[in-house]
Protein backbone atom coordinates (compact mmCIF):
# COMPACT_ATOMS: atom_id res chain seq x y z
CA MET A 1 -3.65 11.25 103.16
CA ALA A 2 -3.68 12.85 106.54
CA GLU A 3 -2.13 15.95 104.81
CA HIS A 4 -4.98 16.34 102.56
CA PRO A 5 -8.73 14.59 104.11
CA GLN A 6 -10.67 16.38 101.35
CA VAL A 7 -8.79 13.87 98.69
CA SER A 8 -10.33 10.32 98.17
CA VAL A 9 -8.02 7.75 97.75
CA ARG A 10 -8.90 4.38 96.51
CA ARG A 11 -5.96 1.49 96.78
CA THR A 12 -6.95 -1.22 94.10
CA VAL A 13 -4.14 -3.68 92.87
CA LEU A 14 -5.38 -5.09 89.52
CA GLU A 15 -3.46 -7.39 87.30
CA GLY A 16 -4.23 -6.72 83.70
CA PRO A 17 -2.93 -4.57 80.94
CA ALA A 18 -1.68 -0.64 82.09
CA ALA A 19 -3.16 0.45 78.98
CA ASP A 20 -6.48 0.41 80.63
CA ALA A 21 -5.36 2.61 83.62
CA ASP A 22 -6.58 6.05 84.17
CA LEU A 23 -3.35 7.33 85.99
CA LEU A 24 -0.45 5.26 86.46
CA VAL A 25 1.63 5.84 90.08
CA LEU A 26 5.14 5.23 90.24
CA GLY A 27 7.43 5.69 92.96
CA THR A 28 11.08 6.87 92.80
CA THR A 29 13.85 7.25 95.52
CA ARG A 30 16.14 10.71 95.49
CA ARG A 31 20.31 9.45 94.89
CA GLN A 32 22.39 11.17 97.58
CA GLY A 33 24.01 14.24 96.21
CA GLN A 34 21.93 14.76 93.59
CA PHE A 35 19.42 17.40 92.60
CA GLY A 36 16.12 17.21 90.74
CA LEU A 37 14.08 13.64 90.02
CA GLN A 38 16.49 11.14 88.98
CA LEU A 39 14.19 8.82 86.82
CA GLY A 40 14.97 4.84 86.58
CA ARG A 41 14.57 3.02 83.58
CA VAL A 42 10.59 2.15 84.45
CA SER A 43 9.65 5.74 85.08
CA TYR A 44 11.56 6.93 82.18
CA THR A 45 10.09 4.61 79.81
CA ALA A 46 6.60 4.70 81.38
CA ARG A 47 6.51 8.63 81.57
CA HIS A 48 7.10 8.97 77.49
CA ARG A 49 5.23 5.97 76.27
CA ALA A 50 2.32 5.65 78.78
CA ALA A 51 -1.39 6.29 77.40
CA CYS A 52 -2.50 7.57 80.76
CA PRO A 53 -1.21 10.48 83.08
CA VAL A 54 1.85 9.55 84.84
CA ALA A 55 2.52 10.60 88.36
CA VAL A 56 6.13 9.95 89.69
CA VAL A 57 6.21 10.23 93.50
CA PRO A 58 9.39 10.67 95.02
CA HIS A 59 9.75 8.70 98.73
CA ARG A 60 10.39 10.99 101.44
């Protein structure tokens, strides 16, 4: 957020069906010694089946 102050971010935690989401953001970690984004089971499934855009964000 400090890197891009012009971008508005609103954090909201809601319980309910993910199908109602406008954007699904998932975190992931990078595995040592491997290149590229390694998707886990949840990230992979959400990316292929979600009805909304999915952002998979690697941990720094």
